[in-house]
Amino acid sequence: MAIQKKISDSIEAIEHAKAEQPQSTYVLRLYVVGTTPASVRAVANIKRICEAHLLGRYELKVIDLYQQPILAKGEQIIAAPTLIKKLPLPLRRIIGDMSDTERVLVGMDIQKKGNIL
């Protein structure tokens, strides 16, 4: 019984510490190819998602692989548009035009599948 109480108290302390931490800044890189319709949609969609769910807590850099093709190899980009969440860890990759908001939020660990934050 005493061990179970200690475990419960420890879990509660961890949850409390997590809640008091400042929310993380998301460092995002969106790799696109020129101004194709999919690239334009991806930029608009990720900006909309970030403004709605990460206001003031994100850094988004859009990288055009036509202008900087060497970055595709360095980041192992095999399709575009690709969003990479560098921070907070773990690193995540999302491919597509970012039109499925829930998929993007789940992929970036902003919400759990089926939950709306």
PDB file of N, CA and C in Angstrom:
ATOM      1  N   MET A   1       0.818  -1.188   0.000  1.00  0.00           N
ATOM      2  CA  MET A   1       0.000   0.000   0.000  1.00  0.00           C
ATOM      3  C   MET A   1       0.867   1.259   0.000  1.00  0.00           C
ATOM      4  N   ALA A   2       1.919   1.280   0.817  1.00  0.00           N
ATOM      5  CA  ALA A   2       2.804   2.440   0.900  1.00  0.00           C
ATOM      6  C   ALA A   2       3.525   2.660  -0.428  1.00  0.00           C
ATOM      7  N   ILE A   3       3.929   1.575  -1.081  1.00  0.00           N
ATOM      8  CA  ILE A   3       4.611   1.685  -2.369  1.00  0.00           C
ATOM      9  C   ILE A   3       3.658   2.277  -3.412  1.00  0.00           C
ATOM     10  N   GLN A   4       2.429   1.820  -3.406  1.00  0.00           N
ATOM     11  CA  GLN A   4       1.433   2.315  -4.359  1.00  0.00           C
ATOM     12  C   GLN A   4       1.199   3.821  -4.140  1.00  0.00           C
ATOM     13  N   LYS A   5       1.167   4.261  -2.887  1.00  0.00           N
ATOM     14  CA  LYS A   5       0.989   5.687  -2.579  1.00  0.00           C
ATOM     15  C   LYS A   5       2.178   6.483  -3.071  1.00  0.00           C
ATOM     16  N   LYS A   6       3.399   5.963  -2.891  1.00  0.00           N
ATOM     17  CA  LYS A   6       4.602   6.656  -3.365  1.00  0.00           C
ATOM     18  C   LYS A   6       4.582   6.792  -4.888  1.00  0.00           C
ATOM     19  N   ILE A   7       4.179   5.734  -5.575  1.00  0.00           N
ATOM     20  CA  ILE A   7       4.096   5.773  -7.037  1.00  0.00           C
ATOM     21  C   ILE A   7       3.062   6.806  -7.469  1.00  0.00           C
ATOM     22  N   SER A   8       1.911   6.787  -6.828  1.00  0.00           N
ATOM     23  CA  SER A   8       0.843   7.742  -7.137  1.00  0.00           C
ATOM     24  C   SER A   8       1.311   9.174  -6.897  1.00  0.00           C
ATOM     25  N   ASP A   9       1.996   9.409  -5.772  1.00  0.00           N
ATOM     26  CA  ASP A   9       2.512  10.745  -5.463  1.00  0.00           C
ATOM     27  C   ASP A   9       3.559  11.167  -6.493  1.00  0.00           C
ATOM     28  N   SER A  10       4.400  10.239  -6.929  1.00  0.00           N
ATOM     29  CA  SER A  10       5.432  10.541  -7.917  1.00  0.00           C
ATOM     30  C   SER A  10       4.813  10.923  -9.255  1.00  0.00           C
ATOM     31  N   ILE A  11       3.815  10.168  -9.673  1.00  0.00           N
ATOM     32  CA  ILE A  11       3.127  10.458 -10.939  1.00  0.00           C
ATOM     33  C   ILE A  11       2.463  11.826 -10.862  1.00  0.00           C
ATOM     34  N   GLU A  12       1.832  12.105  -9.728  1.00  0.00           N
ATOM     35  CA  GLU A  12       1.177  13.400  -9.550  1.00  0.00           C
ATOM     36  C   GLU A  12       2.198  14.535  -9.592  1.00  0.00           C
ATOM     37  N   ALA A  13       3.354  14.341  -8.991  1.00  0.00           N
ATOM     38  CA  ALA A  13       4.404  15.364  -8.997  1.00  0.00           C
ATOM     39  C   ALA A  13       4.915  15.614 -10.417  1.00  0.00           C
ATOM     40  N   ILE A  14       5.072  14.561 -11.181  1.00  0.00           N
ATOM     41  CA  ILE A  14       5.535  14.696 -12.573  1.00  0.00           C
ATOM     42  C   ILE A  14       4.503  15.462 -13.394  1.00  0.00           C
ATOM     43  N   GLU A  15       3.237  15.100 -13.258  1.00  0.00           N
ATOM     44  CA  GLU A  15       2.167  15.782 -13.991  1.00  0.00           C
ATOM     45  C   GLU A  15       2.104  17.260 -13.611  1.00  0.00           C
ATOM     46  N   HIS A  16       2.272  17.549 -12.337  1.00  0.00           N
ATOM     47  CA  HIS A  16       2.253  18.938 -11.871  1.00  0.00           C
ATOM     48  C   HIS A  16       3.425  19.717 -12.467  1.00  0.00           C
ATOM     49  N   ALA A  17       4.609  19.124 -12.487  1.00  0.00           N
ATOM     50  CA  ALA A  17       5.790  19.780 -13.046  1.00  0.00           C
ATOM     51  C   ALA A  17       5.606  20.050 -14.540  1.00  0.00           C
ATOM     52  N   LYS A  18       5.028  19.087 -15.252  1.00  0.00           N
ATOM     53  CA  LYS A  18       4.764  19.265 -16.686  1.00  0.00           C
ATOM     54  C   LYS A  18       3.815  20.434 -16.920  1.00  0.00           C
ATOM     55  N   ALA A  19       2.793  20.524 -16.115  1.00  0.00           N
ATOM     56  CA  ALA A  19       1.785  21.570 -16.281  1.00  0.00           C
ATOM     57  C   ALA A  19       2.369  22.953 -16.020  1.00  0.00           C
ATOM     58  N   GLU A  20       3.364  23.043 -15.146  1.00  0.00           N
ATOM     59  CA  GLU A  20       3.944  24.335 -14.800  1.00  0.00           C
ATOM     60  C   GLU A  20       5.045  24.762 -15.749  1.00  0.00           C
ATOM     61  N   GLN A  21       5.553  23.852 -16.583  1.00  0.00           N
ATOM     62  CA  GLN A  21       6.589  24.217 -17.537  1.00  0.00           C
ATOM     63  C   GLN A  21       6.013  25.131 -18.598  1.00  0.00           C
ATOM     64  N   PRO A  22       6.812  26.099 -19.060  1.00  0.00           N
ATOM     65  CA  PRO A  22       6.311  26.922 -20.155  1.00  0.00           C
ATOM     66  C   PRO A  22       6.124  26.041 -21.391  1.00  0.00           C
ATOM     67  N   GLN A  23       5.123  26.371 -22.186  1.00  0.00           N
ATOM     68  CA  GLN A  23       4.867  25.564 -23.371  1.00  0.00           C
ATOM     69  C   GLN A  23       6.022  25.720 -24.346  1.00  0.00           C
ATOM     70  N   SER A  24       6.357  24.631 -25.012  1.00  0.00           N
ATOM     71  CA  SER A  24       7.491  24.592 -25.912  1.00  0.00           C
ATOM     72  C   SER A  24       7.251  25.424 -27.159  1.00  0.00           C
ATOM     73  N   THR A  25       8.352  25.939 -27.698  1.00  0.00           N
ATOM     74  CA  THR A  25       8.323  26.590 -28.999  1.00  0.00           C
ATOM     75  C   THR A  25       8.537  25.519 -30.046  1.00  0.00           C
ATOM     76  N   TYR A  26       7.702  25.516 -31.054  1.00  0.00           N
ATOM     77  CA  TYR A  26       7.802  24.551 -32.141  1.00  0.00           C
ATOM     78  C   TYR A  26       8.683  25.133 -33.239  1.00  0.00           C
ATOM     79  N   VAL A  27       9.713  24.386 -33.608  1.00  0.00           N
ATOM     80  CA  VAL A  27      10.598  24.776 -34.702  1.00  0.00           C
ATOM     81  C   VAL A  27      10.225  23.906 -35.895  1.00  0.00           C
ATOM     82  N   LEU A  28       9.686  24.560 -36.925  1.00  0.00           N
ATOM     83  CA  LEU A  28       9.135  23.853 -38.082  1.00  0.00           C
ATOM     84  C   LEU A  28       9.837  24.275 -39.363  1.00  0.00           C
ATOM     85  N   ARG A  29      10.043  23.306 -40.239  1.00  0.00           N
ATOM     86  CA  ARG A  29      10.602  23.559 -41.566  1.00  0.00           C
ATOM     87  C   ARG A  29       9.651  22.941 -42.581  1.00  0.00           C
ATOM     88  N   LEU A  30       9.164  23.767 -43.503  1.00  0.00           N
ATOM     89  CA  LEU A  30       8.279  23.288 -44.553  1.00  0.00           C
ATOM     90  C   LEU A  30       9.044  23.334 -45.868  1.00  0.00           C
ATOM     91  N   TYR A  31       9.249  22.171 -46.461  1.00  0.00           N
ATOM     92  CA  TYR A  31       9.968  22.054 -47.728  1.00  0.00           C
ATOM     93  C   TYR A  31       8.955  21.963 -48.854  1.00  0.00           C
ATOM     94  N   VAL A  32       9.046  22.909 -49.796  1.00  0.00           N
ATOM     95  CA  VAL A  32       8.143  22.960 -50.935  1.00  0.00           C
ATOM     96  C   VAL A  32       8.974  22.997 -52.215  1.00  0.00           C
ATOM     97  N   VAL A  33       8.271  22.837 -53.344  1.00  0.00           N
ATOM     98  CA  VAL A  33       8.933  22.888 -54.648  1.00  0.00           C
ATOM     99  C   VAL A  33       8.240  23.966 -55.468  1.00  0.00           C
ATOM    100  N   GLY A  34       8.835  25.157 -55.491  1.00  0.00           N
ATOM    101  CA  GLY A  34       8.282  26.246 -56.282  1.00  0.00           C
ATOM    102  C   GLY A  34       6.929  26.700 -55.773  1.00  0.00           C
ATOM    103  N   THR A  35       6.121  27.203 -56.715  1.00  0.00           N
ATOM    104  CA  THR A  35       4.796  27.713 -56.368  1.00  0.00           C
ATOM    105  C   THR A  35       3.698  26.842 -56.969  1.00  0.00           C
ATOM    106  N   THR A  36       3.895  25.538 -56.872  1.00  0.00           N
ATOM    107  CA  THR A  36       2.873  24.610 -57.353  1.00  0.00           C
ATOM    108  C   THR A  36       1.624  24.767 -56.483  1.00  0.00           C
ATOM    109  N   PRO A  37       0.464  24.349 -56.984  1.00  0.00           N
ATOM    110  CA  PRO A  37      -0.744  24.443 -56.153  1.00  0.00           C
ATOM    111  C   PRO A  37      -0.595  23.733 -54.798  1.00  0.00           C
ATOM    112  N   ALA A  38       0.046  22.565 -54.787  1.00  0.00           N
ATOM    113  CA  ALA A  38       0.239  21.840 -53.518  1.00  0.00           C
ATOM    114  C   ALA A  38       1.143  22.627 -52.569  1.00  0.00           C
ATOM    115  N   SER A  39       2.175  23.268 -53.103  1.00  0.00           N
ATOM    116  CA  SER A  39       3.083  24.063 -52.265  1.00  0.00           C
ATOM    117  C   SER A  39       2.367  25.261 -51.669  1.00  0.00           C
ATOM    118  N   VAL A  40       1.595  25.958 -52.496  1.00  0.00           N
ATOM    119  CA  VAL A  40       0.861  27.134 -52.023  1.00  0.00           C
ATOM    120  C   VAL A  40      -0.148  26.727 -50.953  1.00  0.00           C
ATOM    121  N   ARG A  41      -0.864  25.626 -51.174  1.00  0.00           N
ATOM    122  CA  ARG A  41      -1.826  25.134 -50.171  1.00  0.00           C
ATOM    123  C   ARG A  41      -1.120  24.763 -48.876  1.00  0.00           C
ATOM    124  N   ALA A  42       0.019  24.073 -48.997  1.00  0.00           N
ATOM    125  CA  ALA A  42       0.753  23.648 -47.795  1.00  0.00           C
ATOM    126  C   ALA A  42       1.184  24.844 -46.964  1.00  0.00           C
ATOM    127  N   VAL A  43       1.701  25.878 -47.603  1.00  0.00           N
ATOM    128  CA  VAL A  43       2.134  27.073 -46.870  1.00  0.00           C
ATOM    129  C   VAL A  43       0.938  27.722 -46.172  1.00  0.00           C
ATOM    130  N   ALA A  44      -0.145  27.911 -46.906  1.00  0.00           N
ATOM    131  CA  ALA A  44      -1.341  28.539 -46.325  1.00  0.00           C
ATOM    132  C   ALA A  44      -1.908  27.695 -45.184  1.00  0.00           C
ATOM    133  N   ASN A  45      -1.986  26.385 -45.392  1.00  0.00           N
ATOM    134  CA  ASN A  45      -2.564  25.507 -44.372  1.00  0.00           C
ATOM    135  C   ASN A  45      -1.720  25.461 -43.113  1.00  0.00           C
ATOM    136  N   ILE A  46      -0.408  25.351 -43.240  1.00  0.00           N
ATOM    137  CA  ILE A  46       0.420  25.254 -42.032  1.00  0.00           C
ATOM    138  C   ILE A  46       0.435  26.580 -41.276  1.00  0.00           C
ATOM    139  N   LYS A  47       0.391  27.692 -41.999  1.00  0.00           N
ATOM    140  CA  LYS A  47       0.314  28.988 -41.315  1.00  0.00           C
ATOM    141  C   LYS A  47      -1.000  29.109 -40.554  1.00  0.00           C
ATOM    142  N   ARG A  48      -2.101  28.678 -41.167  1.00  0.00           N
ATOM    143  CA  ARG A  48      -3.413  28.723 -40.518  1.00  0.00           C
ATOM    144  C   ARG A  48      -3.412  27.849 -39.260  1.00  0.00           C
ATOM    145  N   ILE A  49      -2.873  26.635 -39.376  1.00  0.00           N
ATOM    146  CA  ILE A  49      -2.820  25.707 -38.240  1.00  0.00           C
ATOM    147  C   ILE A  49      -1.966  26.278 -37.109  1.00  0.00           C
ATOM    148  N   CYS A  50      -0.812  26.814 -37.456  1.00  0.00           N
ATOM    149  CA  CYS A  50       0.084  27.363 -36.433  1.00  0.00           C
ATOM    150  C   CYS A  50      -0.542  28.566 -35.733  1.00  0.00           C
ATOM    151  N   GLU A  51      -1.195  29.437 -36.481  1.00  0.00           N
ATOM    152  CA  GLU A  51      -1.833  30.604 -35.869  1.00  0.00           C
ATOM    153  C   GLU A  51      -2.985  30.194 -34.962  1.00  0.00           C
ATOM    154  N   ALA A  52      -3.685  29.138 -35.327  1.00  0.00           N
ATOM    155  CA  ALA A  52      -4.822  28.689 -34.526  1.00  0.00           C
ATOM    156  C   ALA A  52      -4.408  27.897 -33.291  1.00  0.00           C
ATOM    157  N   HIS A  53      -3.305  27.148 -33.363  1.00  0.00           N
ATOM    158  CA  HIS A  53      -2.958  26.218 -32.281  1.00  0.00           C
ATOM    159  C   HIS A  53      -1.631  26.507 -31.586  1.00  0.00           C
ATOM    160  N   LEU A  54      -0.771  27.318 -32.210  1.00  0.00           N
ATOM    161  CA  LEU A  54       0.548  27.571 -31.626  1.00  0.00           C
ATOM    162  C   LEU A  54       0.883  29.059 -31.586  1.00  0.00           C
ATOM    163  N   LEU A  55      -0.107  29.894 -31.516  1.00  0.00           N
ATOM    164  CA  LEU A  55       0.090  31.337 -31.593  1.00  0.00           C
ATOM    165  C   LEU A  55       1.198  31.807 -30.648  1.00  0.00           C
ATOM    166  N   GLY A  56       2.221  32.414 -31.229  1.00  0.00           N
ATOM    167  CA  GLY A  56       3.337  32.922 -30.445  1.00  0.00           C
ATOM    168  C   GLY A  56       4.317  31.870 -29.983  1.00  0.00           C
ATOM    169  N   ARG A  57       4.101  30.596 -30.378  1.00  0.00           N
ATOM    170  CA  ARG A  57       4.969  29.511 -29.899  1.00  0.00           C
ATOM    171  C   ARG A  57       5.570  28.713 -31.047  1.00  0.00           C
ATOM    172  N   TYR A  58       5.745  29.336 -32.206  1.00  0.00           N
ATOM    173  CA  TYR A  58       6.313  28.580 -33.307  1.00  0.00           C
ATOM    174  C   TYR A  58       7.247  29.430 -34.151  1.00  0.00           C
ATOM    175  N   GLU A  59       8.184  28.740 -34.775  1.00  0.00           N
ATOM    176  CA  GLU A  59       9.107  29.336 -35.741  1.00  0.00           C
ATOM    177  C   GLU A  59       8.955  28.502 -37.006  1.00  0.00           C
ATOM    178  N   LEU A  60       8.450  29.100 -38.061  1.00  0.00           N
ATOM    179  CA  LEU A  60       8.229  28.392 -39.321  1.00  0.00           C
ATOM    180  C   LEU A  60       9.138  28.969 -40.381  1.00  0.00           C
ATOM    181  N   LYS A  61       9.890  28.097 -41.020  1.00  0.00           N
ATOM    182  CA  LYS A  61      10.727  28.502 -42.136  1.00  0.00           C
ATOM    183  C   LYS A  61      10.288  27.693 -43.349  1.00  0.00           C
ATOM    184  N   VAL A  62       9.957  28.384 -44.434  1.00  0.00           N
ATOM    185  CA  VAL A  62       9.555  27.732 -45.674  1.00  0.00           C
ATOM    186  C   VAL A  62      10.775  27.700 -46.592  1.00  0.00           C
ATOM    187  N   ILE A  63      11.109  26.504 -47.060  1.00  0.00           N
ATOM    188  CA  ILE A  63      12.297  26.313 -47.893  1.00  0.00           C
ATOM    189  C   ILE A  63      11.864  25.791 -49.253  1.00  0.00           C
ATOM    190  N   ASP A  64      12.208  26.555 -50.293  1.00  0.00           N
ATOM    191  CA  ASP A  64      11.887  26.170 -51.661  1.00  0.00           C
ATOM    192  C   ASP A  64      13.044  25.335 -52.210  1.00  0.00           C
ATOM    193  N   LEU A  65      12.769  24.084 -52.484  1.00  0.00           N
ATOM    194  CA  LEU A  65      13.823  23.169 -52.936  1.00  0.00           C
ATOM    195  C   LEU A  65      14.290  23.472 -54.361  1.00  0.00           C
ATOM    196  N   TYR A  66      13.521  24.247 -55.125  1.00  0.00           N
ATOM    197  CA  TYR A  66      14.018  24.717 -56.419  1.00  0.00           C
ATOM    198  C   TYR A  66      15.181  25.682 -56.217  1.00  0.00           C
ATOM    199  N   GLN A  67      15.082  26.506 -55.188  1.00  0.00           N
ATOM    200  CA  GLN A  67      16.115  27.497 -54.905  1.00  0.00           C
ATOM    201  C   GLN A  67      17.273  26.928 -54.092  1.00  0.00           C
ATOM    202  N   GLN A  68      17.010  25.920 -53.290  1.00  0.00           N
ATOM    203  CA  GLN A  68      18.034  25.332 -52.423  1.00  0.00           C
ATOM    204  C   GLN A  68      17.970  23.808 -52.491  1.00  0.00           C
ATOM    205  N   PRO A  69      18.241  23.209 -53.652  1.00  0.00           N
ATOM    206  CA  PRO A  69      18.069  21.757 -53.816  1.00  0.00           C
ATOM    207  C   PRO A  69      18.978  20.913 -52.929  1.00  0.00           C
ATOM    208  N   ILE A  70      20.110  21.440 -52.527  1.00  0.00           N
ATOM    209  CA  ILE A  70      21.049  20.677 -51.693  1.00  0.00           C
ATOM    210  C   ILE A  70      20.421  20.340 -50.336  1.00  0.00           C
ATOM    211  N   LEU A  71      19.475  21.168 -49.885  1.00  0.00           N
ATOM    212  CA  LEU A  71      18.833  20.914 -48.591  1.00  0.00           C
ATOM    213  C   LEU A  71      17.969  19.661 -48.609  1.00  0.00           C
ATOM    214  N   ALA A  72      17.475  19.282 -49.790  1.00  0.00           N
ATOM    215  CA  ALA A  72      16.657  18.066 -49.886  1.00  0.00           C
ATOM    216  C   ALA A  72      17.467  16.846 -49.472  1.00  0.00           C
ATOM    217  N   LYS A  73      18.705  16.787 -49.896  1.00  0.00           N
ATOM    218  CA  LYS A  73      19.553  15.647 -49.540  1.00  0.00           C
ATOM    219  C   LYS A  73      19.911  15.679 -48.053  1.00  0.00           C
ATOM    220  N   GLY A  74      20.270  16.855 -47.563  1.00  0.00           N
ATOM    221  CA  GLY A  74      20.672  16.989 -46.160  1.00  0.00           C
ATOM    222  C   GLY A  74      19.565  16.617 -45.192  1.00  0.00           C
ATOM    223  N   GLU A  75      18.322  16.912 -45.556  1.00  0.00           N
ATOM    224  CA  GLU A  75      17.185  16.603 -44.683  1.00  0.00           C
ATOM    225  C   GLU A  75      16.467  15.320 -45.106  1.00  0.00           C
ATOM    226  N   GLN A  76      16.993  14.649 -46.106  1.00  0.00           N
ATOM    227  CA  GLN A  76      16.420  13.397 -46.623  1.00  0.00           C
ATOM    228  C   GLN A  76      14.966  13.587 -47.043  1.00  0.00           C
ATOM    229  N   ILE A  77      14.721  14.644 -47.808  1.00  0.00           N
ATOM    230  CA  ILE A  77      13.388  14.930 -48.325  1.00  0.00           C
ATOM    231  C   ILE A  77      13.168  14.082 -49.574  1.00  0.00           C
ATOM    232  N   ILE A  78      12.137  13.257 -49.557  1.00  0.00           N
ATOM    233  CA  ILE A  78      11.860  12.395 -50.710  1.00  0.00           C
ATOM    234  C   ILE A  78      10.578  12.799 -51.429  1.00  0.00           C
ATOM    235  N   ALA A  79       9.802  13.688 -50.821  1.00  0.00           N
ATOM    236  CA  ALA A  79       8.566  14.184 -51.424  1.00  0.00           C
ATOM    237  C   ALA A  79       8.330  15.595 -50.911  1.00  0.00           C
ATOM    238  N   ALA A  80       7.609  16.361 -51.700  1.00  0.00           N
ATOM    239  CA  ALA A  80       7.297  17.724 -51.280  1.00  0.00           C
ATOM    240  C   ALA A  80       5.837  18.002 -51.609  1.00  0.00           C
ATOM    241  N   PRO A  81       5.177  18.755 -50.766  1.00  0.00           N
ATOM    242  CA  PRO A  81       5.642  19.418 -49.552  1.00  0.00           C
ATOM    243  C   PRO A  81       5.863  18.433 -48.400  1.00  0.00           C
ATOM    244  N   THR A  82       6.877  18.731 -47.606  1.00  0.00           N
ATOM    245  CA  THR A  82       7.178  17.974 -46.392  1.00  0.00           C
ATOM    246  C   THR A  82       7.387  18.958 -45.247  1.00  0.00           C
ATOM    247  N   LEU A  83       6.707  18.712 -44.147  1.00  0.00           N
ATOM    248  CA  LEU A  83       6.884  19.505 -42.936  1.00  0.00           C
ATOM    249  C   LEU A  83       7.722  18.689 -41.967  1.00  0.00           C
ATOM    250  N   ILE A  84       8.760  19.308 -41.421  1.00  0.00           N
ATOM    251  CA  ILE A  84       9.578  18.661 -40.390  1.00  0.00           C
ATOM    252  C   ILE A  84       9.445  19.469 -39.112  1.00  0.00           C
ATOM    253  N   LYS A  85       9.028  18.787 -38.048  1.00  0.00           N
ATOM    254  CA  LYS A  85       8.995  19.394 -36.709  1.00  0.00           C
ATOM    255  C   LYS A  85      10.320  19.025 -36.063  1.00  0.00           C
ATOM    256  N   LYS A  86      11.210  20.002 -35.944  1.00  0.00           N
ATOM    257  CA  LYS A  86      12.521  19.754 -35.354  1.00  0.00           C
ATOM    258  C   LYS A  86      12.461  19.777 -33.826  1.00  0.00           C
ATOM    259  N   LEU A  87      11.706  20.716 -33.293  1.00  0.00           N
ATOM    260  CA  LEU A  87      11.545  20.838 -31.845  1.00  0.00           C
ATOM    261  C   LEU A  87      10.090  21.147 -31.552  1.00  0.00           C
ATOM    262  N   PRO A  88       9.575  20.756 -30.420  1.00  0.00           N
ATOM    263  CA  PRO A  88      10.206  19.899 -29.431  1.00  0.00           C
ATOM    264  C   PRO A  88      10.342  18.472 -29.956  1.00  0.00           C
ATOM    265  N   LEU A  89      11.319  17.786 -29.406  1.00  0.00           N
ATOM    266  CA  LEU A  89      11.550  16.406 -29.807  1.00  0.00           C
ATOM    267  C   LEU A  89      10.357  15.554 -29.419  1.00  0.00           C
ATOM    268  N   PRO A  90      10.095  14.476 -30.063  1.00  0.00           N
ATOM    269  CA  PRO A  90      10.856  13.866 -31.145  1.00  0.00           C
ATOM    270  C   PRO A  90      10.577  14.545 -32.481  1.00  0.00           C
ATOM    271  N   LEU A  91      11.553  14.436 -33.367  1.00  0.00           N
ATOM    272  CA  LEU A  91      11.425  14.954 -34.719  1.00  0.00           C
ATOM    273  C   LEU A  91      10.285  14.225 -35.425  1.00  0.00           C
ATOM    274  N   ARG A  92       9.496  14.973 -36.169  1.00  0.00           N
ATOM    275  CA  ARG A  92       8.373  14.387 -36.906  1.00  0.00           C
ATOM    276  C   ARG A  92       8.381  14.913 -38.333  1.00  0.00           C
ATOM    277  N   ARG A  93       7.898  14.084 -39.277  1.00  0.00           N
ATOM    278  CA  ARG A  93       7.767  14.470 -40.686  1.00  0.00           C
ATOM    279  C   ARG A  93       6.331  14.236 -41.123  1.00  0.00           C
ATOM    280  N   ILE A  94       5.805  15.214 -41.847  1.00  0.00           N
ATOM    281  CA  ILE A  94       4.462  15.108 -42.392  1.00  0.00           C
ATOM    282  C   ILE A  94       4.555  15.477 -43.866  1.00  0.00           C
ATOM    283  N   ILE A  95       4.043  14.617 -44.717  1.00  0.00           N
ATOM    284  CA  ILE A  95       4.104  14.842 -46.156  1.00  0.00           C
ATOM    285  C   ILE A  95       2.708  15.153 -46.668  1.00  0.00           C
ATOM    286  N   GLY A  96       2.611  16.142 -47.541  1.00  0.00           N
ATOM    287  CA  GLY A  96       1.331  16.489 -48.154  1.00  0.00           C
ATOM    288  C   GLY A  96       1.062  17.974 -48.058  1.00  0.00           C
ATOM    289  N   ASP A  97      -0.146  18.386 -48.440  1.00  0.00           N
ATOM    290  CA  ASP A  97      -0.460  19.818 -48.475  1.00  0.00           C
ATOM    291  C   ASP A  97      -1.000  20.357 -47.149  1.00  0.00           C
ATOM    292  N   MET A  98      -0.961  19.572 -46.110  1.00  0.00           N
ATOM    293  CA  MET A  98      -1.346  19.965 -44.746  1.00  0.00           C
ATOM    294  C   MET A  98      -2.832  20.332 -44.646  1.00  0.00           C
ATOM    295  N   SER A  99      -3.649  19.804 -45.554  1.00  0.00           N
ATOM    296  CA  SER A  99      -5.069  20.146 -45.544  1.00  0.00           C
ATOM    297  C   SER A  99      -5.862  19.374 -44.485  1.00  0.00           C
ATOM    298  N   ASP A 100      -5.337  18.260 -44.009  1.00  0.00           N
ATOM    299  CA  ASP A 100      -6.004  17.491 -42.960  1.00  0.00           C
ATOM    300  C   ASP A 100      -5.474  17.981 -41.603  1.00  0.00           C
ATOM    301  N   THR A 101      -6.177  18.942 -41.044  1.00  0.00           N
ATOM    302  CA  THR A 101      -5.715  19.595 -39.812  1.00  0.00           C
ATOM    303  C   THR A 101      -5.473  18.605 -38.688  1.00  0.00           C
ATOM    304  N   GLU A 102      -6.385  17.666 -38.475  1.00  0.00           N
ATOM    305  CA  GLU A 102      -6.207  16.697 -37.386  1.00  0.00           C
ATOM    306  C   GLU A 102      -4.940  15.878 -37.595  1.00  0.00           C
ATOM    307  N   ARG A 103      -4.691  15.438 -38.828  1.00  0.00           N
ATOM    308  CA  ARG A 103      -3.494  14.649 -39.126  1.00  0.00           C
ATOM    309  C   ARG A 103      -2.223  15.451 -38.822  1.00  0.00           C
ATOM    310  N   VAL A 104      -2.234  16.737 -39.161  1.00  0.00           N
ATOM    311  CA  VAL A 104      -1.077  17.594 -38.890  1.00  0.00           C
ATOM    312  C   VAL A 104      -0.894  17.774 -37.388  1.00  0.00           C
ATOM    313  N   LEU A 105      -1.972  18.047 -36.668  1.00  0.00           N
ATOM    314  CA  LEU A 105      -1.873  18.249 -35.220  1.00  0.00           C
ATOM    315  C   LEU A 105      -1.407  16.989 -34.504  1.00  0.00           C
ATOM    316  N   VAL A 106      -1.917  15.842 -34.914  1.00  0.00           N
ATOM    317  CA  VAL A 106      -1.486  14.573 -34.320  1.00  0.00           C
ATOM    318  C   VAL A 106      -0.026  14.310 -34.692  1.00  0.00           C
ATOM    319  N   GLY A 107       0.316  14.562 -35.943  1.00  0.00           N
ATOM    320  CA  GLY A 107       1.683  14.332 -36.404  1.00  0.00           C
ATOM    321  C   GLY A 107       2.706  15.206 -35.701  1.00  0.00           C
ATOM    322  N   MET A 108       2.291  16.405 -35.295  1.00  0.00           N
ATOM    323  CA  MET A 108       3.199  17.309 -34.588  1.00  0.00           C
ATOM    324  C   MET A 108       3.106  17.146 -33.077  1.00  0.00           C
ATOM    325  N   ASP A 109       2.333  16.170 -32.612  1.00  0.00           N
ATOM    326  CA  ASP A 109       2.153  15.919 -31.174  1.00  0.00           C
ATOM    327  C   ASP A 109       1.493  17.086 -30.449  1.00  0.00           C
ATOM    328  N   ILE A 110       0.620  17.809 -31.145  1.00  0.00           N
ATOM    329  CA  ILE A 110      -0.118  18.895 -30.516  1.00  0.00           C
ATOM    330  C   ILE A 110      -1.401  18.358 -29.902  1.00  0.00           C
ATOM    331  N   GLN A 111      -1.953  17.327 -30.496  1.00  0.00           N
ATOM    332  CA  GLN A 111      -3.146  16.690 -29.942  1.00  0.00           C
ATOM    333  C   GLN A 111      -3.077  15.194 -30.187  1.00  0.00           C
ATOM    334  N   LYS A 112      -3.843  14.476 -29.399  1.00  0.00           N
ATOM    335  CA  LYS A 112      -3.961  13.037 -29.559  1.00  0.00           C
ATOM    336  C   LYS A 112      -5.031  12.762 -30.602  1.00  0.00           C
ATOM    337  N   LYS A 113      -4.941  11.637 -31.268  1.00  0.00           N
ATOM    338  CA  LYS A 113      -5.903  11.296 -32.300  1.00  0.00           C
ATOM    339  C   LYS A 113      -7.321  11.299 -31.735  1.00  0.00           C
ATOM    340  N   GLY A 114      -8.221  11.994 -32.411  1.00  0.00           N
ATOM    341  CA  GLY A 114      -9.613  12.048 -31.993  1.00  0.00           C
ATOM    342  C   GLY A 114      -9.919  13.132 -30.967  1.00  0.00           C
ATOM    343  N   ASN A 115      -8.880  13.817 -30.426  1.00  0.00           N
ATOM    344  CA  ASN A 115      -9.093  14.880 -29.445  1.00  0.00           C
ATOM    345  C   ASN A 115      -8.888  16.235 -30.103  1.00  0.00           C
ATOM    346  N   ILE A 116      -9.688  17.180 -29.742  1.00  0.00           N
ATOM    347  CA  ILE A 116      -9.518  18.531 -30.231  1.00  0.00           C
ATOM    348  C   ILE A 116      -9.091  19.395 -29.053  1.00  0.00           C
ATOM    349  N   LEU A 117      -7.964  20.081 -29.227  1.00  0.00           N
ATOM    350  CA  LEU A 117      -7.450  20.932 -28.147  1.00  0.00           C
ATOM    351  C   LEU A 117      -7.879  22.358 -28.338  1.00  0.00           C
TER     352      LEU A 117
END
